[in-house]
């Protein structure tokens, strides 16, 4: 079995995965959403302190599996440096104590493998990763061959939802809150400009849209009813930006198998719009189970199985935190 640890942001998670069957035997996650909601976003130092308390509590429940562990896997990049350190330090300590190999996993690759928890991999695959920290399109041939073909120039898709929710005083995380508010709104009431709509670049940008929404929120004042229309229009344009750029990319790279991963992939409006976009191509849409869209240790464990079989290990000295990296 492999024990995997995830602490890249504000979720403390540990999983136990059986190598031969890929079966998830144990998975527990402790969220910090309540603690960070009062600040409207993640406070790194607070997150680190909460990880220091939560991870040992979860680990205690994993002791019955210790004698069957063959490796320890941990998210080592990308993420918040102070929170990644909590997981990496624990992983090193366990690996040293049990004298078993250490596996450092890229968090973004973990999101790709969230599609294959307790399943076999299915490559090649075009992947849209949308989360609080990243918006990018990747062509995935295998674990070793992942090419990023488009990414955000500034804010990410998920980050823009968090910031719009904060403008409206809704709390954190913003994705589910904006989605719920948008249900009863008019998506066409606010004619926000689609970012980069005249640019030939296959890239993403949310800073301009975020500013336009801020002005609309300020103009609405305390009219909470108007917030529904702003949220709906924002969600519509934020998603349209993605689909327009994907459609441009598909002209030269028509998809056969397409996936949406990352925390923001749980957005139902995004899922519906991507389905419509893929329909003319008869492309298969792959989605993670909703419980595995956000950060979790099960996806880290799933990547680790592949890395274990390839003997892709790290020494205690080699494994270091890398806050910013790409697959």
C-alpha atoms as a PDB file:
ATOM      1  CA  UNK A   1       0.000   0.000   0.000  1.00  0.00           C
ATOM      2  CA  UNK A   2       0.971   3.657  -0.381  1.00  0.00           C
ATOM      3  CA  UNK A   3       0.190   6.358   2.156  1.00  0.00           C
ATOM      4  CA  UNK A   4      -0.312   9.756   0.485  1.00  0.00           C
ATOM      5  CA  UNK A   5      -0.454  13.233   2.021  1.00  0.00           C
ATOM      6  CA  UNK A   6      -1.944  16.445   0.598  1.00  0.00           C
ATOM      7  CA  UNK A   7      -1.377  19.886   2.170  1.00  0.00           C
ATOM      8  CA  UNK A   8      -0.825  22.248  -0.764  1.00  0.00           C
ATOM      9  CA  UNK A   9      -3.411  24.798   0.376  1.00  0.00           C
ATOM     10  CA  UNK A  10      -6.245  24.624   2.919  1.00  0.00           C
ATOM     11  CA  UNK A  11      -7.216  20.934   2.920  1.00  0.00           C
ATOM     12  CA  UNK A  12      -5.440  18.433   5.172  1.00  0.00           C
ATOM     13  CA  UNK A  13      -5.805  14.968   3.647  1.00  0.00           C
ATOM     14  CA  UNK A  14      -4.287  11.496   3.913  1.00  0.00           C
ATOM     15  CA  UNK A  15      -5.134   8.385   1.889  1.00  0.00           C
ATOM     16  CA  UNK A  16      -4.127   4.737   1.763  1.00  0.00           C
ATOM     17  CA  UNK A  17      -4.175   3.123  -1.694  1.00  0.00           C
ATOM     18  CA  UNK A  18      -3.524  -0.517  -2.551  1.00  0.00           C
ATOM     19  CA  UNK A  19      -0.870  -0.745  -5.252  1.00  0.00           C
ATOM     20  CA  UNK A  20      -1.975  -3.925  -7.040  1.00  0.00           C
ATOM     21  CA  UNK A  21      -5.701  -3.142  -7.268  1.00  0.00           C
ATOM     22  CA  UNK A  22      -5.605   0.695  -7.124  1.00  0.00           C
ATOM     23  CA  UNK A  23      -8.327   0.386  -4.489  1.00  0.00           C
ATOM     24  CA  UNK A  24      -8.739   3.317  -2.107  1.00  0.00           C
ATOM     25  CA  UNK A  25      -8.709   1.758   1.351  1.00  0.00           C
ATOM     26  CA  UNK A  26      -8.745   4.918   3.457  1.00  0.00           C
ATOM     27  CA  UNK A  27      -9.277   8.590   2.749  1.00  0.00           C
ATOM     28  CA  UNK A  28      -9.932  11.431   5.130  1.00  0.00           C
ATOM     29  CA  UNK A  29      -9.863  15.158   4.576  1.00  0.00           C
ATOM     30  CA  UNK A  30     -10.222  17.965   7.093  1.00  0.00           C
ATOM     31  CA  UNK A  31     -11.254  21.234   5.454  1.00  0.00           C
ATOM     32  CA  UNK A  32     -10.300  24.666   6.755  1.00  0.00           C
ATOM     33  CA  UNK A  33     -13.061  26.536   4.924  1.00  0.00           C
ATOM     34  CA  UNK A  34     -14.780  27.792   8.086  1.00  0.00           C
ATOM     35  CA  UNK A  35     -11.570  29.195   9.561  1.00  0.00           C
ATOM     36  CA  UNK A  36     -10.636  31.052   6.364  1.00  0.00           C
ATOM     37  CA  UNK A  37     -14.139  32.212   5.394  1.00  0.00           C
ATOM     38  CA  UNK A  38     -14.003  35.161   7.808  1.00  0.00           C
ATOM     39  CA  UNK A  39     -11.015  36.501   5.835  1.00  0.00           C
ATOM     40  CA  UNK A  40     -12.569  35.912   2.418  1.00  0.00           C
ATOM     41  CA  UNK A  41      -9.664  33.722   1.336  1.00  0.00           C
ATOM     42  CA  UNK A  42      -6.838  31.489   2.522  1.00  0.00           C
ATOM     43  CA  UNK A  43      -4.396  32.937   5.070  1.00  0.00           C
ATOM     44  CA  UNK A  44      -1.189  30.893   4.512  1.00  0.00           C
ATOM     45  CA  UNK A  45       0.194  31.072   8.070  1.00  0.00           C
ATOM     46  CA  UNK A  46      -3.164  30.088   9.561  1.00  0.00           C
ATOM     47  CA  UNK A  47      -3.445  27.223   7.073  1.00  0.00           C
ATOM     48  CA  UNK A  48      -0.010  25.928   8.088  1.00  0.00           C
ATOM     49  CA  UNK A  49      -0.927  25.946  11.788  1.00  0.00           C
ATOM     50  CA  UNK A  50      -4.166  24.099  11.076  1.00  0.00           C
ATOM     51  CA  UNK A  51      -2.314  21.472   9.009  1.00  0.00           C
ATOM     52  CA  UNK A  52       0.072  20.947  11.923  1.00  0.00           C
ATOM     53  CA  UNK A  53      -2.934  20.019  14.079  1.00  0.00           C
ATOM     54  CA  UNK A  54      -5.053  18.107  11.543  1.00  0.00           C
ATOM     55  CA  UNK A  55      -2.502  15.886   9.784  1.00  0.00           C
ATOM     56  CA  UNK A  56      -1.316  14.048  12.935  1.00  0.00           C
ATOM     57  CA  UNK A  57      -4.950  13.391  13.904  1.00  0.00           C
ATOM     58  CA  UNK A  58      -5.655  11.759  10.541  1.00  0.00           C
ATOM     59  CA  UNK A  59      -2.353   9.868  10.592  1.00  0.00           C
ATOM     60  CA  UNK A  60      -3.297   8.280  13.903  1.00  0.00           C
ATOM     61  CA  UNK A  61      -6.152   6.477  12.107  1.00  0.00           C
ATOM     62  CA  UNK A  62      -3.712   5.065   9.535  1.00  0.00           C
ATOM     63  CA  UNK A  63      -1.496   3.144  11.967  1.00  0.00           C
ATOM     64  CA  UNK A  64      -3.201  -0.233  11.300  1.00  0.00           C
ATOM     65  CA  UNK A  65      -1.890  -0.015   7.714  1.00  0.00           C
ATOM     66  CA  UNK A  66       1.722   0.828   8.590  1.00  0.00           C
ATOM     67  CA  UNK A  67       3.108  -2.707   8.341  1.00  0.00           C
ATOM     68  CA  UNK A  68       1.841  -2.993   4.748  1.00  0.00           C
ATOM     69  CA  UNK A  69       3.128   0.329   3.443  1.00  0.00           C
ATOM     70  CA  UNK A  70       5.598   0.191   0.540  1.00  0.00           C
ATOM     71  CA  UNK A  71       6.037   3.962   0.058  1.00  0.00           C
ATOM     72  CA  UNK A  72       5.036   7.408   1.298  1.00  0.00           C
ATOM     73  CA  UNK A  73       3.774   9.942  -1.261  1.00  0.00           C
ATOM     74  CA  UNK A  74       3.286  13.653  -0.686  1.00  0.00           C
ATOM     75  CA  UNK A  75       2.397  16.763  -2.648  1.00  0.00           C
ATOM     76  CA  UNK A  76       5.664  18.703  -3.008  1.00  0.00           C
ATOM     77  CA  UNK A  77       4.644  21.247  -5.675  1.00  0.00           C
ATOM     78  CA  UNK A  78       3.008  23.584  -6.529  1.00  0.00           C
ATOM     79  CA  UNK A  79       1.168  25.272  -3.660  1.00  0.00           C
ATOM     80  CA  UNK A  80       1.705  27.499  -0.634  1.00  0.00           C
ATOM     81  CA  UNK A  81       5.242  27.008   0.652  1.00  0.00           C
ATOM     82  CA  UNK A  82       4.298  27.119   4.340  1.00  0.00           C
ATOM     83  CA  UNK A  83       1.565  24.500   3.921  1.00  0.00           C
ATOM     84  CA  UNK A  84       3.506  22.202   1.574  1.00  0.00           C
ATOM     85  CA  UNK A  85       6.246  22.047   4.207  1.00  0.00           C
ATOM     86  CA  UNK A  86       3.826  20.548   6.755  1.00  0.00           C
ATOM     87  CA  UNK A  87       3.028  17.586   4.508  1.00  0.00           C
ATOM     88  CA  UNK A  88       6.578  17.082   3.235  1.00  0.00           C
ATOM     89  CA  UNK A  89       8.020  17.133   6.752  1.00  0.00           C
ATOM     90  CA  UNK A  90       5.529  14.508   7.895  1.00  0.00           C
ATOM     91  CA  UNK A  91       6.190  12.344   4.828  1.00  0.00           C
ATOM     92  CA  UNK A  92       9.946  12.428   5.400  1.00  0.00           C
ATOM     93  CA  UNK A  93       9.521  11.485   9.058  1.00  0.00           C
ATOM     94  CA  UNK A  94       7.301   8.490   8.235  1.00  0.00           C
ATOM     95  CA  UNK A  95       9.565   7.310   5.400  1.00  0.00           C
ATOM     96  CA  UNK A  96      12.589   7.519   7.702  1.00  0.00           C
ATOM     97  CA  UNK A  97      10.824   5.750  10.580  1.00  0.00           C
ATOM     98  CA  UNK A  98       9.494   2.902   8.415  1.00  0.00           C
ATOM     99  CA  UNK A  99      12.535   2.790   6.114  1.00  0.00           C
ATOM    100  CA  UNK A 100      10.444   2.937   2.923  1.00  0.00           C
ATOM    101  CA  UNK A 101      10.757   5.048  -0.264  1.00  0.00           C
ATOM    102  CA  UNK A 102       9.566   8.622  -0.585  1.00  0.00           C
ATOM    103  CA  UNK A 103       7.583   9.891  -3.605  1.00  0.00           C
ATOM    104  CA  UNK A 104       7.147  13.598  -4.356  1.00  0.00           C
ATOM    105  CA  UNK A 105       4.006  14.292  -6.409  1.00  0.00           C
ATOM    106  CA  UNK A 106       3.109  17.319  -8.515  1.00  0.00           C
ATOM    107  CA  UNK A 107      -0.262  18.623  -7.362  1.00  0.00           C
ATOM    108  CA  UNK A 108      -1.432  19.445 -10.899  1.00  0.00           C
ATOM    109  CA  UNK A 109      -0.654  15.930 -12.093  1.00  0.00           C
ATOM    110  CA  UNK A 110      -2.661  14.762  -9.090  1.00  0.00           C
ATOM    111  CA  UNK A 111      -5.698  16.597 -10.429  1.00  0.00           C
ATOM    112  CA  UNK A 112      -5.315  14.806 -13.763  1.00  0.00           C
ATOM    113  CA  UNK A 113      -5.204  11.467 -11.976  1.00  0.00           C
ATOM    114  CA  UNK A 114      -8.312  12.342  -9.948  1.00  0.00           C
ATOM    115  CA  UNK A 115     -10.077  11.030 -13.059  1.00  0.00           C
ATOM    116  CA  UNK A 116      -8.610   7.575 -12.447  1.00  0.00           C
ATOM    117  CA  UNK A 117      -9.077   6.943  -8.727  1.00  0.00           C
ATOM    118  CA  UNK A 118      -9.750   3.181  -8.459  1.00  0.00           C
ATOM    119  CA  UNK A 119      -9.608   3.028 -12.296  1.00  0.00           C
ATOM    120  CA  UNK A 120      -7.120   2.427 -15.095  1.00  0.00           C
ATOM    121  CA  UNK A 121      -5.675   5.457 -16.868  1.00  0.00           C
ATOM    122  CA  UNK A 122      -7.054   6.567 -20.238  1.00  0.00           C
ATOM    123  CA  UNK A 123      -4.585   8.447 -22.398  1.00  0.00           C
ATOM    124  CA  UNK A 124      -4.080  10.425 -24.642  1.00  0.00           C
ATOM    125  CA  UNK A 125      -6.285  13.121 -23.198  1.00  0.00           C
ATOM    126  CA  UNK A 126      -6.865  16.857 -23.548  1.00  0.00           C
ATOM    127  CA  UNK A 127      -7.336  18.325 -20.068  1.00  0.00           C
ATOM    128  CA  UNK A 128      -8.767  21.620 -18.849  1.00  0.00           C
ATOM    129  CA  UNK A 129      -7.552  22.295 -15.316  1.00  0.00           C
ATOM    130  CA  UNK A 130      -9.590  24.917 -13.475  1.00  0.00           C
ATOM    131  CA  UNK A 131      -8.867  25.619  -9.825  1.00  0.00           C
ATOM    132  CA  UNK A 132      -8.238  28.395  -7.339  1.00  0.00           C
ATOM    133  CA  UNK A 133      -4.636  28.659  -8.450  1.00  0.00           C
ATOM    134  CA  UNK A 134      -4.571  27.497 -12.051  1.00  0.00           C
ATOM    135  CA  UNK A 135      -6.378  27.673 -15.380  1.00  0.00           C
ATOM    136  CA  UNK A 136      -4.620  25.750 -18.122  1.00  0.00           C
ATOM    137  CA  UNK A 137      -5.096  23.329 -20.989  1.00  0.00           C
ATOM    138  CA  UNK A 138      -2.802  20.312 -21.190  1.00  0.00           C
ATOM    139  CA  UNK A 139      -2.200  17.570 -23.725  1.00  0.00           C
ATOM    140  CA  UNK A 140      -1.518  14.412 -21.721  1.00  0.00           C
ATOM    141  CA  UNK A 141       0.094  11.447 -23.448  1.00  0.00           C
ATOM    142  CA  UNK A 142       1.317   9.740 -20.274  1.00  0.00           C
ATOM    143  CA  UNK A 143       2.621  10.498 -16.799  1.00  0.00           C
ATOM    144  CA  UNK A 144       5.973  11.485 -18.314  1.00  0.00           C
ATOM    145  CA  UNK A 145       4.560  13.385 -21.292  1.00  0.00           C
ATOM    146  CA  UNK A 146       2.342  16.296 -20.245  1.00  0.00           C
ATOM    147  CA  UNK A 147       2.412  19.475 -22.323  1.00  0.00           C
ATOM    148  CA  UNK A 148       0.778  22.740 -21.253  1.00  0.00           C
ATOM    149  CA  UNK A 149      -0.646  24.436 -24.346  1.00  0.00           C
ATOM    150  CA  UNK A 150      -2.546  27.347 -22.753  1.00  0.00           C
ATOM    151  CA  UNK A 151      -2.724  29.011 -19.357  1.00  0.00           C
ATOM    152  CA  UNK A 152      -3.976  32.098 -17.553  1.00  0.00           C
ATOM    153  CA  UNK A 153      -2.042  35.339 -17.869  1.00  0.00           C
ATOM    154  CA  UNK A 154      -3.252  36.530 -14.463  1.00  0.00           C
ATOM    155  CA  UNK A 155      -6.123  35.360 -12.230  1.00  0.00           C
ATOM    156  CA  UNK A 156      -7.395  31.803 -12.503  1.00  0.00           C
ATOM    157  CA  UNK A 157     -10.992  30.768 -13.180  1.00  0.00           C
ATOM    158  CA  UNK A 158     -11.512  29.584  -9.607  1.00  0.00           C
ATOM    159  CA  UNK A 159      -9.721  32.564  -8.101  1.00  0.00           C
ATOM    160  CA  UNK A 160     -12.042  34.952  -9.948  1.00  0.00           C
ATOM    161  CA  UNK A 161     -15.062  33.237  -8.351  1.00  0.00           C
ATOM    162  CA  UNK A 162     -13.476  33.608  -4.905  1.00  0.00           C
ATOM    163  CA  UNK A 163     -12.786  37.301  -5.470  1.00  0.00           C
ATOM    164  CA  UNK A 164     -16.259  38.067  -6.824  1.00  0.00           C
ATOM    165  CA  UNK A 165     -17.798  36.293  -3.823  1.00  0.00           C
ATOM    166  CA  UNK A 166     -15.609  38.400  -1.535  1.00  0.00           C
ATOM    167  CA  UNK A 167     -16.804  41.594  -3.291  1.00  0.00           C
ATOM    168  CA  UNK A 168     -20.371  40.572  -2.495  1.00  0.00           C
ATOM    169  CA  UNK A 169     -19.552  39.640   1.087  1.00  0.00           C
ATOM    170  CA  UNK A 170     -20.576  36.024   0.509  1.00  0.00           C
ATOM    171  CA  UNK A 171     -17.625  34.268   2.141  1.00  0.00           C
ATOM    172  CA  UNK A 172     -15.169  31.586   1.055  1.00  0.00           C
ATOM    173  CA  UNK A 173     -14.831  29.441  -1.019  1.00  0.00           C
ATOM    174  CA  UNK A 174     -16.571  31.494  -3.678  1.00  0.00           C
ATOM    175  CA  UNK A 175     -17.280  28.863  -6.342  1.00  0.00           C
ATOM    176  CA  UNK A 176     -20.256  27.098  -4.730  1.00  0.00           C
ATOM    177  CA  UNK A 177     -21.610  30.421  -3.378  1.00  0.00           C
ATOM    178  CA  UNK A 178     -21.595  32.166  -6.769  1.00  0.00           C
ATOM    179  CA  UNK A 179     -23.047  29.067  -8.441  1.00  0.00           C
ATOM    180  CA  UNK A 180     -25.945  28.999  -5.981  1.00  0.00           C
ATOM    181  CA  UNK A 181     -26.590  32.744  -6.279  1.00  0.00           C
ATOM    182  CA  UNK A 182     -26.464  32.611 -10.094  1.00  0.00           C
ATOM    183  CA  UNK A 183     -29.269  30.028 -10.304  1.00  0.00           C
ATOM    184  CA  UNK A 184     -31.959  32.690  -9.941  1.00  0.00           C
ATOM    185  CA  UNK A 185     -30.225  35.407 -11.944  1.00  0.00           C
ATOM    186  CA  UNK A 186     -30.428  36.687 -15.517  1.00  0.00           C
ATOM    187  CA  UNK A 187     -27.223  35.606 -17.252  1.00  0.00           C
ATOM    188  CA  UNK A 188     -27.653  38.234 -19.972  1.00  0.00           C
ATOM    189  CA  UNK A 189     -28.528  41.260 -17.838  1.00  0.00           C
ATOM    190  CA  UNK A 190     -24.936  42.456 -17.538  1.00  0.00           C
ATOM    191  CA  UNK A 191     -23.102  42.553 -20.834  1.00  0.00           C
ATOM    192  CA  UNK A 192     -19.610  42.027 -19.450  1.00  0.00           C
ATOM    193  CA  UNK A 193     -16.877  41.882 -22.098  1.00  0.00           C
ATOM    194  CA  UNK A 194     -15.488  38.425 -22.813  1.00  0.00           C
ATOM    195  CA  UNK A 195     -11.757  38.588 -21.955  1.00  0.00           C
ATOM    196  CA  UNK A 196      -9.316  38.432 -24.895  1.00  0.00           C
ATOM    197  CA  UNK A 197     -12.209  37.924 -27.331  1.00  0.00           C
ATOM    198  CA  UNK A 198     -10.352  39.781 -30.097  1.00  0.00           C
ATOM    199  CA  UNK A 199      -6.970  38.258 -29.334  1.00  0.00           C
ATOM    200  CA  UNK A 200      -5.725  35.353 -31.473  1.00  0.00           C
ATOM    201  CA  UNK A 201      -3.803  33.998 -28.466  1.00  0.00           C
ATOM    202  CA  UNK A 202      -4.932  30.763 -26.861  1.00  0.00           C
ATOM    203  CA  UNK A 203      -4.674  32.061 -23.314  1.00  0.00           C
ATOM    204  CA  UNK A 204      -6.898  33.087 -20.425  1.00  0.00           C
ATOM    205  CA  UNK A 205      -7.320  36.250 -18.365  1.00  0.00           C
ATOM    206  CA  UNK A 206      -9.759  37.143 -15.603  1.00  0.00           C
ATOM    207  CA  UNK A 207      -8.425  40.401 -14.144  1.00  0.00           C
ATOM    208  CA  UNK A 208     -10.445  42.629 -16.500  1.00  0.00           C
ATOM    209  CA  UNK A 209     -13.684  40.726 -15.965  1.00  0.00           C
ATOM    210  CA  UNK A 210     -13.133  40.816 -12.219  1.00  0.00           C
ATOM    211  CA  UNK A 211     -12.779  44.613 -12.355  1.00  0.00           C
ATOM    212  CA  UNK A 212     -15.961  44.982 -14.431  1.00  0.00           C
ATOM    213  CA  UNK A 213     -17.854  42.910 -11.873  1.00  0.00           C
ATOM    214  CA  UNK A 214     -16.447  45.061  -9.060  1.00  0.00           C
ATOM    215  CA  UNK A 215     -17.890  48.181 -10.684  1.00  0.00           C
ATOM    216  CA  UNK A 216     -21.271  46.458 -11.094  1.00  0.00           C
ATOM    217  CA  UNK A 217     -21.274  45.389  -7.447  1.00  0.00           C
ATOM    218  CA  UNK A 218     -20.422  48.914  -6.311  1.00  0.00           C
ATOM    219  CA  UNK A 219     -23.230  50.329  -8.464  1.00  0.00           C
ATOM    220  CA  UNK A 220     -25.708  47.811  -7.026  1.00  0.00           C
ATOM    221  CA  UNK A 221     -24.923  48.934  -3.502  1.00  0.00           C
ATOM    222  CA  UNK A 222     -26.904  46.903  -0.981  1.00  0.00           C
ATOM    223  CA  UNK A 223     -29.372  45.542  -3.559  1.00  0.00           C
ATOM    224  CA  UNK A 224     -28.926  41.816  -2.855  1.00  0.00           C
ATOM    225  CA  UNK A 225     -31.485  40.937  -5.529  1.00  0.00           C
ATOM    226  CA  UNK A 226     -29.239  42.573  -8.121  1.00  0.00           C
ATOM    227  CA  UNK A 227     -26.333  40.432  -6.929  1.00  0.00           C
ATOM    228  CA  UNK A 228     -28.122  37.396  -8.393  1.00  0.00           C
ATOM    229  CA  UNK A 229     -28.003  38.915 -11.877  1.00  0.00           C
ATOM    230  CA  UNK A 230     -24.379  40.024 -11.467  1.00  0.00           C
ATOM    231  CA  UNK A 231     -23.378  36.526 -10.308  1.00  0.00           C
ATOM    232  CA  UNK A 232     -25.251  34.868 -13.183  1.00  0.00           C
ATOM    233  CA  UNK A 233     -23.773  37.221 -15.793  1.00  0.00           C
ATOM    234  CA  UNK A 234     -20.284  36.789 -14.358  1.00  0.00           C
ATOM    235  CA  UNK A 235     -20.530  32.981 -14.346  1.00  0.00           C
ATOM    236  CA  UNK A 236     -21.803  33.089 -17.941  1.00  0.00           C
ATOM    237  CA  UNK A 237     -18.970  35.292 -19.246  1.00  0.00           C
ATOM    238  CA  UNK A 238     -16.259  33.567 -17.193  1.00  0.00           C
ATOM    239  CA  UNK A 239     -17.330  30.251 -18.723  1.00  0.00           C
ATOM    240  CA  UNK A 240     -17.841  31.688 -22.218  1.00  0.00           C
ATOM    241  CA  UNK A 241     -14.241  32.906 -22.135  1.00  0.00           C
ATOM    242  CA  UNK A 242     -13.071  29.327 -21.587  1.00  0.00           C
ATOM    243  CA  UNK A 243     -15.297  27.821 -24.262  1.00  0.00           C
ATOM    244  CA  UNK A 244     -14.379  30.457 -26.859  1.00  0.00           C
ATOM    245  CA  UNK A 245     -10.650  29.847 -26.393  1.00  0.00           C
ATOM    246  CA  UNK A 246     -11.145  26.083 -26.401  1.00  0.00           C
ATOM    247  CA  UNK A 247     -13.174  26.322 -29.615  1.00  0.00           C
ATOM    248  CA  UNK A 248     -10.313  28.262 -31.203  1.00  0.00           C
ATOM    249  CA  UNK A 249      -7.837  25.610 -30.022  1.00  0.00           C
ATOM    250  CA  UNK A 250     -10.043  22.787 -31.289  1.00  0.00           C
ATOM    251  CA  UNK A 251      -9.880  24.171 -34.853  1.00  0.00           C
ATOM    252  CA  UNK A 252      -6.362  22.802 -35.160  1.00  0.00           C
ATOM    253  CA  UNK A 253      -6.518  20.203 -32.367  1.00  0.00           C
ATOM    254  CA  UNK A 254      -9.940  18.516 -32.447  1.00  0.00           C
ATOM    255  CA  UNK A 255     -10.486  16.535 -29.237  1.00  0.00           C
ATOM    256  CA  UNK A 256     -11.279  12.840 -28.969  1.00  0.00           C
ATOM    257  CA  UNK A 257     -11.149  12.534 -25.194  1.00  0.00           C
ATOM    258  CA  UNK A 258     -11.504  15.682 -23.089  1.00  0.00           C
ATOM    259  CA  UNK A 259     -11.475  16.122 -19.322  1.00  0.00           C
ATOM    260  CA  UNK A 260     -12.165  18.912 -16.829  1.00  0.00           C
ATOM    261  CA  UNK A 261     -10.319  18.648 -13.516  1.00  0.00           C
ATOM    262  CA  UNK A 262      -9.589  20.815 -10.475  1.00  0.00           C
ATOM    263  CA  UNK A 263     -11.775  22.288  -7.773  1.00  0.00           C
ATOM    264  CA  UNK A 264     -13.708  24.551 -10.150  1.00  0.00           C
ATOM    265  CA  UNK A 265     -14.551  21.589 -12.406  1.00  0.00           C
ATOM    266  CA  UNK A 266     -17.420  20.938  -9.984  1.00  0.00           C
ATOM    267  CA  UNK A 267     -19.222  23.977 -11.442  1.00  0.00           C
ATOM    268  CA  UNK A 268     -22.351  22.596 -13.095  1.00  0.00           C
ATOM    269  CA  UNK A 269     -22.785  25.453 -15.570  1.00  0.00           C
ATOM    270  CA  UNK A 270     -19.203  24.950 -16.798  1.00  0.00           C
ATOM    271  CA  UNK A 271     -19.792  21.217 -17.200  1.00  0.00           C
ATOM    272  CA  UNK A 272     -22.962  21.817 -19.230  1.00  0.00           C
ATOM    273  CA  UNK A 273     -21.291  24.374 -21.522  1.00  0.00           C
ATOM    274  CA  UNK A 274     -18.281  22.124 -22.149  1.00  0.00           C
ATOM    275  CA  UNK A 275     -20.633  19.250 -23.031  1.00  0.00           C
ATOM    276  CA  UNK A 276     -22.278  21.459 -25.674  1.00  0.00           C
ATOM    277  CA  UNK A 277     -18.878  22.524 -26.996  1.00  0.00           C
ATOM    278  CA  UNK A 278     -17.735  18.910 -27.395  1.00  0.00           C
ATOM    279  CA  UNK A 279     -20.919  17.658 -29.032  1.00  0.00           C
ATOM    280  CA  UNK A 280     -19.962  18.476 -32.677  1.00  0.00           C
ATOM    281  CA  UNK A 281     -16.683  16.615 -32.192  1.00  0.00           C
ATOM    282  CA  UNK A 282     -18.358  13.524 -30.714  1.00  0.00           C
ATOM    283  CA  UNK A 283     -15.659  13.705 -28.069  1.00  0.00           C
ATOM    284  CA  UNK A 284     -15.877  11.804 -24.802  1.00  0.00           C
ATOM    285  CA  UNK A 285     -16.029  13.986 -21.676  1.00  0.00           C
ATOM    286  CA  UNK A 286     -14.268  12.663 -18.585  1.00  0.00           C
ATOM    287  CA  UNK A 287     -15.056  14.108 -15.167  1.00  0.00           C
ATOM    288  CA  UNK A 288     -13.816  13.369 -11.675  1.00  0.00           C
ATOM    289  CA  UNK A 289     -16.336  12.373  -9.039  1.00  0.00           C
ATOM    290  CA  UNK A 290     -17.461  15.543  -7.262  1.00  0.00           C
ATOM    291  CA  UNK A 291     -15.780  14.463  -4.012  1.00  0.00           C
ATOM    292  CA  UNK A 292     -12.422  14.303  -5.819  1.00  0.00           C
ATOM    293  CA  UNK A 293     -12.618  17.604  -7.743  1.00  0.00           C
ATOM    294  CA  UNK A 294     -11.142  19.645  -4.897  1.00  0.00           C
ATOM    295  CA  UNK A 295      -7.728  18.959  -3.365  1.00  0.00           C
ATOM    296  CA  UNK A 296      -7.475  15.457  -1.896  1.00  0.00           C
ATOM    297  CA  UNK A 297      -4.926  12.786  -1.012  1.00  0.00           C
ATOM    298  CA  UNK A 298      -6.611  10.039  -3.044  1.00  0.00           C
ATOM    299  CA  UNK A 299      -5.487  11.643  -6.306  1.00  0.00           C
ATOM    300  CA  UNK A 300      -1.938  11.973  -4.960  1.00  0.00           C
ATOM    301  CA  UNK A 301      -1.978   8.285  -4.083  1.00  0.00           C
ATOM    302  CA  UNK A 302      -3.200   7.393  -7.572  1.00  0.00           C
ATOM    303  CA  UNK A 303      -0.266   9.204  -9.204  1.00  0.00           C
ATOM    304  CA  UNK A 304       2.068   7.591  -6.677  1.00  0.00           C
ATOM    305  CA  UNK A 305       1.111   4.083  -7.844  1.00  0.00           C
ATOM    306  CA  UNK A 306       2.422   4.908 -11.333  1.00  0.00           C
ATOM    307  CA  UNK A 307       5.569   6.487  -9.894  1.00  0.00           C
ATOM    308  CA  UNK A 308       6.139   3.532  -7.549  1.00  0.00           C
ATOM    309  CA  UNK A 309       5.930   1.060 -10.404  1.00  0.00           C
ATOM    310  CA  UNK A 310       8.519   3.134 -12.299  1.00  0.00           C
ATOM    311  CA  UNK A 311      10.683   3.347  -9.142  1.00  0.00           C
ATOM    312  CA  UNK A 312      10.491   7.142  -9.372  1.00  0.00           C
ATOM    313  CA  UNK A 313      11.585   7.857  -5.798  1.00  0.00           C
ATOM    314  CA  UNK A 314      13.184  10.820  -4.030  1.00  0.00           C
ATOM    315  CA  UNK A 315      15.734  10.814  -1.251  1.00  0.00           C
ATOM    316  CA  UNK A 316      15.171  12.812   1.929  1.00  0.00           C
ATOM    317  CA  UNK A 317      17.619  15.440   0.688  1.00  0.00           C
ATOM    318  CA  UNK A 318      16.186  15.605  -2.840  1.00  0.00           C
ATOM    319  CA  UNK A 319      12.552  16.137  -1.883  1.00  0.00           C
ATOM    320  CA  UNK A 320      11.996  19.844  -1.369  1.00  0.00           C
ATOM    321  CA  UNK A 321       9.013  22.150  -1.570  1.00  0.00           C
ATOM    322  CA  UNK A 322       8.530  23.945  -4.911  1.00  0.00           C
ATOM    323  CA  UNK A 323       5.737  26.558  -4.470  1.00  0.00           C
ATOM    324  CA  UNK A 324       5.405  27.256  -8.201  1.00  0.00           C
ATOM    325  CA  UNK A 325       5.864  24.616 -10.877  1.00  0.00           C
ATOM    326  CA  UNK A 326       4.243  23.056 -13.901  1.00  0.00           C
ATOM    327  CA  UNK A 327       3.658  19.357 -14.677  1.00  0.00           C
END
